[in-house]
Amino acid sequence: MWSAGSRPAIWILALAMAAGLSACATPRLATRTNPAPPVAVGKAPGGRVPGTMRPYQVRGVWYTPREQPNYNEVGIASWYGQQFHNKQTSNGEVFDMWVISAAHKTLPLPSIVEVTNLDNGKKIRVRVNDRGPFVDGRIIDMSRAGAQALGFDRKGTARVRVRYVGPAPPRGKDRTLQYAGAVPDPEPVRQASARAPVAAGGWSVQAGAFADRGNAEKAVNSLRDVGRAEIVPLQRGGQTLYRVVVGARSADEASSLRDAVAALGFPDARLVAVR
């Protein structure tokens, strides 16, 4: 039989055990405001669900990424920039607000969508590599360069149509791109062409970034049929990368030029705003 003096210690022990059991029984998602949605996602080889295709929660709301081959929606687009510049996107790439890209809540990452500004008729194809926007009524978030290309960077938002085109090839970290066919011997970097050179305030298509300048020069020559290609050195982490870019007169021309560059064996070709 316990003495009166030992009862406080017993009560403290009992309360501690009860609190421990209660903590173990509390689910990690107990604070969610609505039930988790059913999991309907694609699987990688081996049955593993990619991290970018798993259900996730933001501000108490659950989102379920999934394959949507017939996605074709009208809604509001916004854009994001400096606050996220040089930070990692949802699929592990680095966000550059001066490169045309986009964020979507549920489309596969990475993928290509066609975005049309219904206010002015401008249309581009863009790589989706991030999640968002998490604001009611908005269906896509463009990078600053993307908003510029669509003509709504000063306005802030625009009424758009977003149509899914298909999956985008993965972009390896600073990997050397492959290009099709035999590559001739290097010639001078600047080629005569009817296309515009890369000029500040305009647009260009980046075919790739190469650690070896010789490979960059070969890429320049393989692109001579589509426009004037240049090598633009870039310092990154103490290493020099040689970017191969082709100039364009407008965002519309750059969008078509990117398709031509991709067809020559540069699947990661992307639009870049020239500053």
Foldseek 3Di string as FASTA:
>chain_A
DDDPVCVVVVVVVVVVVVVVVVVVPDDPVNPAPDDEDDAAADADPPRHGDPQQPWDDDPNDIFGAYADQFAKDKFKEFEDEDVQAQHAAPQGDGDHLQFKAKAFAHYDPWFKKWKAFPVPGQIFIHTYHHHDDPDPGHGMYIRLNNCVQNVCNVVGMTIMIIGTDTGADDDDDQDDFDFDDDFDQFDDQWDDDPFDADDAQAKKKWLHKALDVRSLRSLSRLCNVLATWHWDWDDDPNGIITIIIGTHHGSVRRRVSQVVSVVRRRRPITMGHHD
